[in-house]
């Protein structure tokens, strides 16, 4: 579980990213001082270095998606195929019902 120091630095980094300000240890410390939060000196530096090569807005907008924009592009094709899939499912269900009724009419039961 994240400590209060980690959470404070995370929220500071999110604030900076939201304002399109480069994330540096000094900027994180400035926000923490303005919020009257004290953290160990290693945390702002660690977060600044870890997030210096990342675009936080892209990370947030792509949470949960494996390949970014690819699922969005595939969505129209999937919705177009949905009615066809429903028709196929109905046909399969009808076939299953027919085969079940055929099995019942064999004239003998399992426990007879």
PDB file of N, CA and C in Angstrom:
ATOM      1  N   UNK A   1       0.839  -1.168   0.000  1.00  0.00           N
ATOM      2  CA  UNK A   1       0.000   0.000   0.000  1.00  0.00           C
ATOM      3  C   UNK A   1       0.889   1.238   0.000  1.00  0.00           C
ATOM      4  N   UNK A   2       0.432   2.254  -0.669  1.00  0.00           N
ATOM      5  CA  UNK A   2       1.213   3.477  -0.786  1.00  0.00           C
ATOM      6  C   UNK A   2       1.226   4.239   0.534  1.00  0.00           C
ATOM      7  N   UNK A   3       2.362   4.833   0.809  1.00  0.00           N
ATOM      8  CA  UNK A   3       2.475   5.646   2.011  1.00  0.00           C
ATOM      9  C   UNK A   3       1.957   7.048   1.724  1.00  0.00           C
ATOM     10  N   UNK A   4       1.817   7.831   2.767  1.00  0.00           N
ATOM     11  CA  UNK A   4       1.364   9.212   2.593  1.00  0.00           C
ATOM     12  C   UNK A   4       2.351  10.020   1.761  1.00  0.00           C
ATOM     13  N   UNK A   5       3.653   9.748   1.920  1.00  0.00           N
ATOM     14  CA  UNK A   5       4.660  10.457   1.133  1.00  0.00           C
ATOM     15  C   UNK A   5       4.482  10.174  -0.361  1.00  0.00           C
ATOM     16  N   UNK A   6       4.253   8.907  -0.688  1.00  0.00           N
ATOM     17  CA  UNK A   6       4.075   8.526  -2.091  1.00  0.00           C
ATOM     18  C   UNK A   6       2.801   9.146  -2.664  1.00  0.00           C
ATOM     19  N   UNK A   7       1.742   9.110  -1.886  1.00  0.00           N
ATOM     20  CA  UNK A   7       0.487   9.685  -2.358  1.00  0.00           C
ATOM     21  C   UNK A   7       0.602  11.187  -2.564  1.00  0.00           C
ATOM     22  N   UNK A   8       1.269  11.863  -1.657  1.00  0.00           N
ATOM     23  CA  UNK A   8       1.435  13.309  -1.784  1.00  0.00           C
ATOM     24  C   UNK A   8       2.221  13.654  -3.043  1.00  0.00           C
ATOM     25  N   UNK A   9       3.262  12.893  -3.313  1.00  0.00           N
ATOM     26  CA  UNK A   9       4.055  13.145  -4.525  1.00  0.00           C
ATOM     27  C   UNK A   9       3.274  12.794  -5.780  1.00  0.00           C
ATOM     28  N   UNK A  10       2.477  11.755  -5.703  1.00  0.00           N
ATOM     29  CA  UNK A  10       1.649  11.371  -6.851  1.00  0.00           C
ATOM     30  C   UNK A  10       0.648  12.463  -7.177  1.00  0.00           C
ATOM     31  N   UNK A  11      -0.041  12.956  -6.166  1.00  0.00           N
ATOM     32  CA  UNK A  11      -1.013  14.019  -6.395  1.00  0.00           C
ATOM     33  C   UNK A  11      -0.337  15.292  -6.897  1.00  0.00           C
ATOM     34  N   UNK A  12       0.837  15.580  -6.385  1.00  0.00           N
ATOM     35  CA  UNK A  12       1.572  16.757  -6.862  1.00  0.00           C
ATOM     36  C   UNK A  12       1.935  16.601  -8.334  1.00  0.00           C
ATOM     37  N   UNK A  13       2.377  15.413  -8.709  1.00  0.00           N
ATOM     38  CA  UNK A  13       2.727  15.166 -10.111  1.00  0.00           C
ATOM     39  C   UNK A  13       1.495  15.274 -11.003  1.00  0.00           C
ATOM     40  N   UNK A  14       0.353  14.805 -10.525  1.00  0.00           N
ATOM     41  CA  UNK A  14      -0.877  14.915 -11.311  1.00  0.00           C
ATOM     42  C   UNK A  14      -1.294  16.376 -11.489  1.00  0.00           C
ATOM     43  N   UNK A  15      -1.121  17.164 -10.451  1.00  0.00           N
ATOM     44  CA  UNK A  15      -1.434  18.598 -10.542  1.00  0.00           C
ATOM     45  C   UNK A  15      -0.537  19.261 -11.580  1.00  0.00           C
ATOM     46  N   UNK A  16       0.747  18.952 -11.518  1.00  0.00           N
ATOM     47  CA  UNK A  16       1.686  19.538 -12.484  1.00  0.00           C
ATOM     48  C   UNK A  16       1.345  19.106 -13.915  1.00  0.00           C
ATOM     49  N   UNK A  17       1.021  17.841 -14.096  1.00  0.00           N
ATOM     50  CA  UNK A  17       0.692  17.342 -15.430  1.00  0.00           C
ATOM     51  C   UNK A  17      -0.589  17.982 -15.951  1.00  0.00           C
ATOM     52  N   UNK A  18      -1.540  18.195 -15.078  1.00  0.00           N
ATOM     53  CA  UNK A  18      -2.799  18.816 -15.484  1.00  0.00           C
ATOM     54  C   UNK A  18      -2.590  20.246 -15.952  1.00  0.00           C
ATOM     55  N   UNK A  19      -1.635  20.938 -15.351  1.00  0.00           N
ATOM     56  CA  UNK A  19      -1.327  22.321 -15.741  1.00  0.00           C
ATOM     57  C   UNK A  19      -0.271  22.404 -16.837  1.00  0.00           C
ATOM     58  N   UNK A  20       0.134  21.258 -17.387  1.00  0.00           N
ATOM     59  CA  UNK A  20       1.168  21.189 -18.434  1.00  0.00           C
ATOM     60  C   UNK A  20       2.489  21.820 -17.995  1.00  0.00           C
ATOM     61  N   UNK A  21       2.832  21.603 -16.743  1.00  0.00           N
ATOM     62  CA  UNK A  21       4.093  22.082 -16.180  1.00  0.00           C
ATOM     63  C   UNK A  21       5.049  20.890 -16.122  1.00  0.00           C
ATOM     64  N   UNK A  22       6.296  21.067 -16.546  1.00  0.00           N
ATOM     65  CA  UNK A  22       7.252  19.959 -16.453  1.00  0.00           C
ATOM     66  C   UNK A  22       7.400  19.478 -15.006  1.00  0.00           C
ATOM     67  N   UNK A  23       7.452  18.189 -14.837  1.00  0.00           N
ATOM     68  CA  UNK A  23       7.531  17.616 -13.492  1.00  0.00           C
ATOM     69  C   UNK A  23       8.984  17.547 -13.064  1.00  0.00           C
ATOM     70  N   UNK A  24       9.303  18.358 -12.068  1.00  0.00           N
ATOM     71  CA  UNK A  24      10.647  18.356 -11.492  1.00  0.00           C
ATOM     72  C   UNK A  24      10.522  18.208  -9.982  1.00  0.00           C
ATOM     73  N   UNK A  25      11.614  17.842  -9.359  1.00  0.00           N
ATOM     74  CA  UNK A  25      11.612  17.681  -7.903  1.00  0.00           C
ATOM     75  C   UNK A  25      11.294  19.013  -7.212  1.00  0.00           C
ATOM     76  N   UNK A  26      11.800  20.103  -7.777  1.00  0.00           N
ATOM     77  CA  UNK A  26      11.560  21.413  -7.176  1.00  0.00           C
ATOM     78  C   UNK A  26      10.084  21.788  -7.242  1.00  0.00           C
ATOM     79  N   UNK A  27       9.443  21.493  -8.373  1.00  0.00           N
ATOM     80  CA  UNK A  27       8.017  21.824  -8.525  1.00  0.00           C
ATOM     81  C   UNK A  27       7.163  20.968  -7.574  1.00  0.00           C
ATOM     82  N   UNK A  28       7.526  19.702  -7.443  1.00  0.00           N
ATOM     83  CA  UNK A  28       6.793  18.836  -6.515  1.00  0.00           C
ATOM     84  C   UNK A  28       6.951  19.356  -5.087  1.00  0.00           C
ATOM     85  N   UNK A  29       8.160  19.744  -4.723  1.00  0.00           N
ATOM     86  CA  UNK A  29       8.404  20.294  -3.379  1.00  0.00           C
ATOM     87  C   UNK A  29       7.618  21.576  -3.156  1.00  0.00           C
ATOM     88  N   UNK A  30       7.512  22.410  -4.189  1.00  0.00           N
ATOM     89  CA  UNK A  30       6.764  23.660  -4.070  1.00  0.00           C
ATOM     90  C   UNK A  30       5.294  23.385  -3.776  1.00  0.00           C
ATOM     91  N   UNK A  31       4.713  22.427  -4.491  1.00  0.00           N
ATOM     92  CA  UNK A  31       3.307  22.093  -4.253  1.00  0.00           C
ATOM     93  C   UNK A  31       3.129  21.494  -2.861  1.00  0.00           C
ATOM     94  N   UNK A  32       4.043  20.646  -2.462  1.00  0.00           N
ATOM     95  CA  UNK A  32       3.946  20.029  -1.139  1.00  0.00           C
ATOM     96  C   UNK A  32       4.053  21.068  -0.024  1.00  0.00           C
ATOM     97  N   UNK A  33       4.943  22.054  -0.212  1.00  0.00           N
ATOM     98  CA  UNK A  33       5.071  23.117   0.798  1.00  0.00           C
ATOM     99  C   UNK A  33       3.809  23.959   0.846  1.00  0.00           C
ATOM    100  N   UNK A  34       3.215  24.234  -0.323  1.00  0.00           N
ATOM    101  CA  UNK A  34       1.979  25.029  -0.365  1.00  0.00           C
ATOM    102  C   UNK A  34       0.836  24.285   0.312  1.00  0.00           C
ATOM    103  N   UNK A  35       0.862  22.952   0.254  1.00  0.00           N
ATOM    104  CA  UNK A  35      -0.178  22.149   0.892  1.00  0.00           C
ATOM    105  C   UNK A  35       0.153  21.836   2.343  1.00  0.00           C
ATOM    106  N   UNK A  36       1.317  22.324   2.801  1.00  0.00           N
ATOM    107  CA  UNK A  36       1.776  22.095   4.173  1.00  0.00           C
ATOM    108  C   UNK A  36       1.929  20.597   4.467  1.00  0.00           C
ATOM    109  N   UNK A  37       2.545  19.901   3.504  1.00  0.00           N
ATOM    110  CA  UNK A  37       2.799  18.463   3.627  1.00  0.00           C
ATOM    111  C   UNK A  37       4.304  18.260   3.650  1.00  0.00           C
ATOM    112  N   UNK A  38       4.785  17.481   4.607  1.00  0.00           N
ATOM    113  CA  UNK A  38       6.209  17.182   4.660  1.00  0.00           C
ATOM    114  C   UNK A  38       6.430  15.729   4.252  1.00  0.00           C
ATOM    115  N   UNK A  39       7.420  15.532   3.395  1.00  0.00           N
ATOM    116  CA  UNK A  39       7.779  14.192   2.942  1.00  0.00           C
ATOM    117  C   UNK A  39       9.297  14.048   3.035  1.00  0.00           C
ATOM    118  N   UNK A  40       9.747  12.825   2.972  1.00  0.00           N
ATOM    119  CA  UNK A  40      11.184  12.599   2.951  1.00  0.00           C
ATOM    120  C   UNK A  40      11.738  13.171   1.654  1.00  0.00           C
ATOM    121  N   UNK A  41      12.942  13.726   1.665  1.00  0.00           N
ATOM    122  CA  UNK A  41      13.490  14.404   0.484  1.00  0.00           C
ATOM    123  C   UNK A  41      13.698  13.483  -0.723  1.00  0.00           C
ATOM    124  N   UNK A  42      13.738  12.201  -0.527  1.00  0.00           N
ATOM    125  CA  UNK A  42      13.978  11.289  -1.637  1.00  0.00           C
ATOM    126  C   UNK A  42      12.764  11.183  -2.568  1.00  0.00           C
ATOM    127  N   UNK A  43      11.562  11.321  -2.012  1.00  0.00           N
ATOM    128  CA  UNK A  43      10.360  11.077  -2.798  1.00  0.00           C
ATOM    129  C   UNK A  43      10.160  12.034  -3.965  1.00  0.00           C
ATOM    130  N   UNK A  44      10.263  13.348  -3.790  1.00  0.00           N
ATOM    131  CA  UNK A  44      10.092  14.227  -4.950  1.00  0.00           C
ATOM    132  C   UNK A  44      11.118  13.954  -6.055  1.00  0.00           C
ATOM    133  N   UNK A  45      12.354  13.696  -5.665  1.00  0.00           N
ATOM    134  CA  UNK A  45      13.392  13.394  -6.652  1.00  0.00           C
ATOM    135  C   UNK A  45      13.087  12.094  -7.381  1.00  0.00           C
ATOM    136  N   UNK A  46      12.668  11.101  -6.640  1.00  0.00           N
ATOM    137  CA  UNK A  46      12.347   9.804  -7.223  1.00  0.00           C
ATOM    138  C   UNK A  46      11.184   9.913  -8.210  1.00  0.00           C
ATOM    139  N   UNK A  47      10.150  10.615  -7.821  1.00  0.00           N
ATOM    140  CA  UNK A  47       9.005  10.768  -8.702  1.00  0.00           C
ATOM    141  C   UNK A  47       9.359  11.598  -9.935  1.00  0.00           C
ATOM    142  N   UNK A  48      10.135  12.642  -9.742  1.00  0.00           N
ATOM    143  CA  UNK A  48      10.519  13.488 -10.878  1.00  0.00           C
ATOM    144  C   UNK A  48      11.332  12.694 -11.899  1.00  0.00           C
ATOM    145  N   UNK A  49      12.248  11.883 -11.426  1.00  0.00           N
ATOM    146  CA  UNK A  49      13.056  11.065 -12.342  1.00  0.00           C
ATOM    147  C   UNK A  49      12.220   9.991 -13.022  1.00  0.00           C
ATOM    148  N   UNK A  50      11.319   9.383 -12.283  1.00  0.00           N
ATOM    149  CA  UNK A  50      10.494   8.313 -12.852  1.00  0.00           C
ATOM    150  C   UNK A  50       9.520   8.847 -13.893  1.00  0.00           C
ATOM    151  N   UNK A  51       9.042  10.061 -13.696  1.00  0.00           N
ATOM    152  CA  UNK A  51       8.031  10.608 -14.591  1.00  0.00           C
ATOM    153  C   UNK A  51       8.592  11.553 -15.645  1.00  0.00           C
ATOM    154  N   UNK A  52       9.900  11.738 -15.662  1.00  0.00           N
ATOM    155  CA  UNK A  52      10.488  12.677 -16.611  1.00  0.00           C
ATOM    156  C   UNK A  52      10.338  12.211 -18.055  1.00  0.00           C
ATOM    157  N   UNK A  53      10.325  10.913 -18.288  1.00  0.00           N
ATOM    158  CA  UNK A  53      10.223  10.384 -19.652  1.00  0.00           C
ATOM    159  C   UNK A  53       8.803   9.954 -20.012  1.00  0.00           C
ATOM    160  N   UNK A  54       7.846  10.173 -19.120  1.00  0.00           N
ATOM    161  CA  UNK A  54       6.473   9.720 -19.352  1.00  0.00           C
ATOM    162  C   UNK A  54       5.545  10.891 -19.605  1.00  0.00           C
ATOM    163  N   UNK A  55       4.538  10.641 -20.420  1.00  0.00           N
ATOM    164  CA  UNK A  55       3.463  11.603 -20.584  1.00  0.00           C
ATOM    165  C   UNK A  55       2.312  11.116 -19.704  1.00  0.00           C
ATOM    166  N   UNK A  56       2.111  11.779 -18.590  1.00  0.00           N
ATOM    167  CA  UNK A  56       1.145  11.317 -17.601  1.00  0.00           C
ATOM    168  C   UNK A  56      -0.274  11.339 -18.157  1.00  0.00           C
ATOM    169  N   UNK A  57      -0.605  12.315 -18.962  1.00  0.00           N
ATOM    170  CA  UNK A  57      -1.957  12.384 -19.515  1.00  0.00           C
ATOM    171  C   UNK A  57      -2.251  11.168 -20.395  1.00  0.00           C
ATOM    172  N   UNK A  58      -1.260  10.717 -21.154  1.00  0.00           N
ATOM    173  CA  UNK A  58      -1.446   9.513 -21.965  1.00  0.00           C
ATOM    174  C   UNK A  58      -1.596   8.282 -21.087  1.00  0.00           C
ATOM    175  N   UNK A  59      -0.830   8.228 -20.012  1.00  0.00           N
ATOM    176  CA  UNK A  59      -0.937   7.095 -19.096  1.00  0.00           C
ATOM    177  C   UNK A  59      -2.322   7.019 -18.468  1.00  0.00           C
ATOM    178  N   UNK A  60      -2.855   8.150 -18.084  1.00  0.00           N
ATOM    179  CA  UNK A  60      -4.163   8.176 -17.439  1.00  0.00           C
ATOM    180  C   UNK A  60      -5.263   7.831 -18.430  1.00  0.00           C
ATOM    181  N   UNK A  61      -5.168   8.353 -19.644  1.00  0.00           N
ATOM    182  CA  UNK A  61      -6.225   8.106 -20.623  1.00  0.00           C
ATOM    183  C   UNK A  61      -6.193   6.682 -21.174  1.00  0.00           C
ATOM    184  N   UNK A  62      -5.079   5.976 -21.028  1.00  0.00           N
ATOM    185  CA  UNK A  62      -4.975   4.618 -21.554  1.00  0.00           C
ATOM    186  C   UNK A  62      -4.982   3.551 -20.466  1.00  0.00           C
ATOM    187  N   UNK A  63      -5.476   3.874 -19.298  1.00  0.00           N
ATOM    188  CA  UNK A  63      -5.522   2.896 -18.224  1.00  0.00           C
ATOM    189  C   UNK A  63      -6.482   1.779 -18.614  1.00  0.00           C
ATOM    190  N   UNK A  64      -6.002   0.566 -18.524  1.00  0.00           N
ATOM    191  CA  UNK A  64      -6.852  -0.569 -18.823  1.00  0.00           C
ATOM    192  C   UNK A  64      -6.859  -1.020 -20.262  1.00  0.00           C
ATOM    193  N   UNK A  65      -6.376  -0.212 -21.160  1.00  0.00           N
ATOM    194  CA  UNK A  65      -6.341  -0.646 -22.553  1.00  0.00           C
ATOM    195  C   UNK A  65      -4.963  -1.191 -22.857  1.00  0.00           C
ATOM    196  N   UNK A  66      -4.927  -2.335 -23.476  1.00  0.00           N
ATOM    197  CA  UNK A  66      -3.664  -3.007 -23.739  1.00  0.00           C
ATOM    198  C   UNK A  66      -2.850  -2.363 -24.835  1.00  0.00           C
ATOM    199  N   UNK A  67      -3.518  -1.839 -25.868  1.00  0.00           N
ATOM    200  CA  UNK A  67      -2.754  -1.340 -27.001  1.00  0.00           C
ATOM    201  C   UNK A  67      -3.118   0.079 -27.391  1.00  0.00           C
ATOM    202  N   UNK A  68      -3.651   0.843 -26.520  1.00  0.00           N
ATOM    203  CA  UNK A  68      -3.923   2.237 -26.803  1.00  0.00           C
ATOM    204  C   UNK A  68      -5.130   2.436 -27.693  1.00  0.00           C
ATOM    205  N   UNK A  69      -4.922   2.959 -28.898  1.00  0.00           N
ATOM    206  CA  UNK A  69      -6.022   3.328 -29.782  1.00  0.00           C
ATOM    207  C   UNK A  69      -6.551   2.173 -30.610  1.00  0.00           C
ATOM    208  N   UNK A  70      -5.909   1.047 -30.624  1.00  0.00           N
ATOM    209  CA  UNK A  70      -6.351  -0.072 -31.459  1.00  0.00           C
ATOM    210  C   UNK A  70      -7.752  -0.557 -31.106  1.00  0.00           C
ATOM    211  N   UNK A  71      -8.135  -0.707 -29.840  1.00  0.00           N
ATOM    212  CA  UNK A  71      -9.495  -1.152 -29.551  1.00  0.00           C
ATOM    213  C   UNK A  71     -10.549  -0.161 -30.020  1.00  0.00           C
ATOM    214  N   UNK A  72     -10.242   1.126 -30.013  1.00  0.00           N
ATOM    215  CA  UNK A  72     -11.196   2.122 -30.468  1.00  0.00           C
ATOM    216  C   UNK A  72     -11.434   1.963 -31.961  1.00  0.00           C
ATOM    217  N   UNK A  73     -10.383   1.706 -32.722  1.00  0.00           N
ATOM    218  CA  UNK A  73     -10.529   1.536 -34.160  1.00  0.00           C
ATOM    219  C   UNK A  73     -11.279   0.264 -34.500  1.00  0.00           C
ATOM    220  N   UNK A  74     -11.162  -0.745 -33.687  1.00  0.00           N
ATOM    221  CA  UNK A  74     -11.822  -2.010 -33.951  1.00  0.00           C
ATOM    222  C   UNK A  74     -13.280  -2.002 -33.508  1.00  0.00           C
ATOM    223  N   UNK A  75     -13.677  -1.051 -32.711  1.00  0.00           N
ATOM    224  CA  UNK A  75     -15.037  -1.019 -32.185  1.00  0.00           C
ATOM    225  C   UNK A  75     -16.106  -0.915 -33.269  1.00  0.00           C
ATOM    226  N   UNK A  76     -15.985  -0.063 -34.313  1.00  0.00           N
ATOM    227  CA  UNK A  76     -17.027  -0.023 -35.333  1.00  0.00           C
ATOM    228  C   UNK A  76     -17.189  -1.356 -36.058  1.00  0.00           C
ATOM    229  N   UNK A  77     -16.114  -2.053 -36.308  1.00  0.00           N
ATOM    230  CA  UNK A  77     -16.210  -3.345 -36.977  1.00  0.00           C
ATOM    231  C   UNK A  77     -16.931  -4.342 -36.085  1.00  0.00           C
ATOM    232  N   UNK A  78     -16.680  -4.287 -34.799  1.00  0.00           N
ATOM    233  CA  UNK A  78     -17.336  -5.205 -33.873  1.00  0.00           C
ATOM    234  C   UNK A  78     -18.823  -4.919 -33.779  1.00  0.00           C
ATOM    235  N   UNK A  79     -19.220  -3.651 -33.805  1.00  0.00           N
ATOM    236  CA  UNK A  79     -20.635  -3.326 -33.720  1.00  0.00           C
ATOM    237  C   UNK A  79     -21.357  -3.698 -34.992  1.00  0.00           C
ATOM    238  N   UNK A  80     -20.685  -3.628 -36.134  1.00  0.00           N
ATOM    239  CA  UNK A  80     -21.302  -4.025 -37.391  1.00  0.00           C
ATOM    240  C   UNK A  80     -21.503  -5.528 -37.442  1.00  0.00           C
ATOM    241  N   UNK A  81     -20.625  -6.274 -36.830  1.00  0.00           N
ATOM    242  CA  UNK A  81     -20.723  -7.728 -36.837  1.00  0.00           C
ATOM    243  C   UNK A  81     -21.688  -8.249 -35.775  1.00  0.00           C
ATOM    244  N   UNK A  82     -22.085  -7.405 -34.854  1.00  0.00           N
ATOM    245  CA  UNK A  82     -22.942  -7.847 -33.759  1.00  0.00           C
ATOM    246  C   UNK A  82     -24.291  -8.388 -34.230  1.00  0.00           C
ATOM    247  N   UNK A  83     -25.019  -7.721 -35.162  1.00  0.00           N
ATOM    248  CA  UNK A  83     -26.297  -8.291 -35.597  1.00  0.00           C
ATOM    249  C   UNK A  83     -26.132  -9.660 -36.258  1.00  0.00           C
ATOM    250  N   UNK A  84     -25.065  -9.831 -37.016  1.00  0.00           N
ATOM    251  CA  UNK A  84     -24.826 -11.121 -37.658  1.00  0.00           C
ATOM    252  C   UNK A  84     -24.561 -12.200 -36.610  1.00  0.00           C
ATOM    253  N   UNK A  85     -23.818 -11.844 -35.574  1.00  0.00           N
ATOM    254  CA  UNK A  85     -23.517 -12.805 -34.517  1.00  0.00           C
ATOM    255  C   UNK A  85     -24.791 -13.207 -33.779  1.00  0.00           C
ATOM    256  N   UNK A  86     -25.694 -12.256 -33.579  1.00  0.00           N
ATOM    257  CA  UNK A  86     -26.951 -12.574 -32.902  1.00  0.00           C
ATOM    258  C   UNK A  86     -27.780 -13.538 -33.731  1.00  0.00           C
ATOM    259  N   UNK A  87     -27.791 -13.345 -35.050  1.00  0.00           N
ATOM    260  CA  UNK A  87     -28.531 -14.245 -35.925  1.00  0.00           C
ATOM    261  C   UNK A  87     -27.960 -15.656 -35.844  1.00  0.00           C
ATOM    262  N   UNK A  88     -26.625 -15.739 -35.841  1.00  0.00           N
ATOM    263  CA  UNK A  88     -25.979 -17.042 -35.763  1.00  0.00           C
ATOM    264  C   UNK A  88     -26.287 -17.720 -34.426  1.00  0.00           C
ATOM    265  N   UNK A  89     -26.309 -16.941 -33.352  1.00  0.00           N
ATOM    266  CA  UNK A  89     -26.610 -17.503 -32.042  1.00  0.00           C
ATOM    267  C   UNK A  89     -28.030 -18.048 -32.006  1.00  0.00           C
ATOM    268  N   UNK A  90     -28.970 -17.322 -32.611  1.00  0.00           N
ATOM    269  CA  UNK A  90     -30.349 -17.790 -32.638  1.00  0.00           C
ATOM    270  C   UNK A  90     -30.457 -19.094 -33.413  1.00  0.00           C
ATOM    271  N   UNK A  91     -29.733 -19.193 -34.528  1.00  0.00           N
ATOM    272  CA  UNK A  91     -29.750 -20.423 -35.323  1.00  0.00           C
ATOM    273  C   UNK A  91     -29.180 -21.583 -34.516  1.00  0.00           C
ATOM    274  N   UNK A  92     -28.087 -21.340 -33.811  1.00  0.00           N
ATOM    275  CA  UNK A  92     -27.470 -22.388 -33.006  1.00  0.00           C
ATOM    276  C   UNK A  92     -28.404 -22.833 -31.884  1.00  0.00           C
ATOM    277  N   UNK A  93     -29.080 -21.864 -31.248  1.00  0.00           N
ATOM    278  CA  UNK A  93     -30.012 -22.211 -30.179  1.00  0.00           C
ATOM    279  C   UNK A  93     -31.158 -23.047 -30.721  1.00  0.00           C
ATOM    280  N   UNK A  94     -31.656 -22.696 -31.894  1.00  0.00           N
ATOM    281  CA  UNK A  94     -32.751 -23.454 -32.491  1.00  0.00           C
ATOM    282  C   UNK A  94     -32.299 -24.878 -32.805  1.00  0.00           C
ATOM    283  N   UNK A  95     -31.070 -25.021 -33.303  1.00  0.00           N
ATOM    284  CA  UNK A  95     -30.542 -26.348 -33.609  1.00  0.00           C
ATOM    285  C   UNK A  95     -30.384 -27.171 -32.336  1.00  0.00           C
ATOM    286  N   UNK A  96     -29.926 -26.534 -31.247  1.00  0.00           N
ATOM    287  CA  UNK A  96     -29.761 -27.239 -29.982  1.00  0.00           C
ATOM    288  C   UNK A  96     -31.103 -27.721 -29.454  1.00  0.00           C
ATOM    289  N   UNK A  97     -32.119 -26.875 -29.564  1.00  0.00           N
ATOM    290  CA  UNK A  97     -33.446 -27.251 -29.085  1.00  0.00           C
ATOM    291  C   UNK A  97     -33.988 -28.426 -29.889  1.00  0.00           C
ATOM    292  N   UNK A  98     -33.757 -28.412 -31.202  1.00  0.00           N
ATOM    293  CA  UNK A  98     -34.217 -29.509 -32.052  1.00  0.00           C
ATOM    294  C   UNK A  98     -33.512 -30.805 -31.684  1.00  0.00           C
ATOM    295  N   UNK A  99     -32.197 -30.738 -31.465  1.00  0.00           N
ATOM    296  CA  UNK A  99     -31.453 -31.949 -31.148  1.00  0.00           C
ATOM    297  C   UNK A  99     -31.851 -32.490 -29.780  1.00  0.00           C
ATOM    298  N   UNK A 100     -32.158 -31.607 -28.828  1.00  0.00           N
ATOM    299  CA  UNK A 100     -32.605 -32.053 -27.518  1.00  0.00           C
ATOM    300  C   UNK A 100     -33.950 -32.747 -27.610  1.00  0.00           C
ATOM    301  N   UNK A 101     -34.858 -32.205 -28.416  1.00  0.00           N
ATOM    302  CA  UNK A 101     -36.173 -32.834 -28.546  1.00  0.00           C
ATOM    303  C   UNK A 101     -36.053 -34.171 -29.262  1.00  0.00           C
ATOM    304  N   UNK A 102     -35.127 -34.321 -30.183  1.00  0.00           N
ATOM    305  CA  UNK A 102     -34.907 -35.587 -30.866  1.00  0.00           C
ATOM    306  C   UNK A 102     -34.397 -36.633 -29.885  1.00  0.00           C
ATOM    307  N   UNK A 103     -33.538 -36.248 -28.968  1.00  0.00           N
ATOM    308  CA  UNK A 103     -32.995 -37.174 -27.984  1.00  0.00           C
ATOM    309  C   UNK A 103     -34.090 -37.679 -27.037  1.00  0.00           C
ATOM    310  N   UNK A 104     -35.047 -36.835 -26.731  1.00  0.00           N
ATOM    311  CA  UNK A 104     -36.116 -37.214 -25.819  1.00  0.00           C
ATOM    312  C   UNK A 104     -37.071 -38.226 -26.445  1.00  0.00           C
ATOM    313  N   UNK A 105     -37.193 -38.247 -27.733  1.00  0.00           N
ATOM    314  CA  UNK A 105     -38.148 -39.102 -28.422  1.00  0.00           C
ATOM    315  C   UNK A 105     -37.581 -40.471 -28.781  1.00  0.00           C
ATOM    316  N   UNK A 106     -36.531 -40.912 -28.178  1.00  0.00           N
ATOM    317  CA  UNK A 106     -35.917 -42.178 -28.554  1.00  0.00           C
ATOM    318  C   UNK A 106     -36.677 -43.387 -28.005  1.00  0.00           C
ATOM    319  N   UNK A 107     -37.575 -43.194 -27.110  1.00  0.00           N
ATOM    320  CA  UNK A 107     -38.417 -44.274 -26.652  1.00  0.00           C
ATOM    321  C   UNK A 107     -37.928 -44.958 -25.383  1.00  0.00           C
ATOM    322  N   UNK A 108     -36.802 -44.602 -24.874  1.00  0.00           N
ATOM    323  CA  UNK A 108     -36.330 -45.183 -23.632  1.00  0.00           C
ATOM    324  C   UNK A 108     -35.579 -44.127 -22.840  1.00  0.00           C
ATOM    325  N   UNK A 109     -35.537 -44.321 -21.563  1.00  0.00           N
ATOM    326  CA  UNK A 109     -34.852 -43.364 -20.706  1.00  0.00           C
ATOM    327  C   UNK A 109     -33.604 -43.957 -20.113  1.00  0.00           C
ATOM    328  N   UNK A 110     -32.839 -43.188 -19.470  1.00  0.00           N
ATOM    329  CA  UNK A 110     -31.593 -43.631 -18.888  1.00  0.00           C
ATOM    330  C   UNK A 110     -31.820 -44.587 -17.726  1.00  0.00           C
ATOM    331  N   UNK A 111     -32.896 -44.370 -16.955  1.00  0.00           N
ATOM    332  CA  UNK A 111     -33.123 -45.181 -15.766  1.00  0.00           C
ATOM    333  C   UNK A 111     -34.322 -46.125 -15.929  1.00  0.00           C
ATOM    334  N   UNK A 112     -34.728 -46.436 -17.148  1.00  0.00           N
ATOM    335  CA  UNK A 112     -35.864 -47.360 -17.355  1.00  0.00           C
ATOM    336  C   UNK A 112     -35.458 -48.790 -17.216  1.00  0.00           C
TER     337      UNK A 112
END
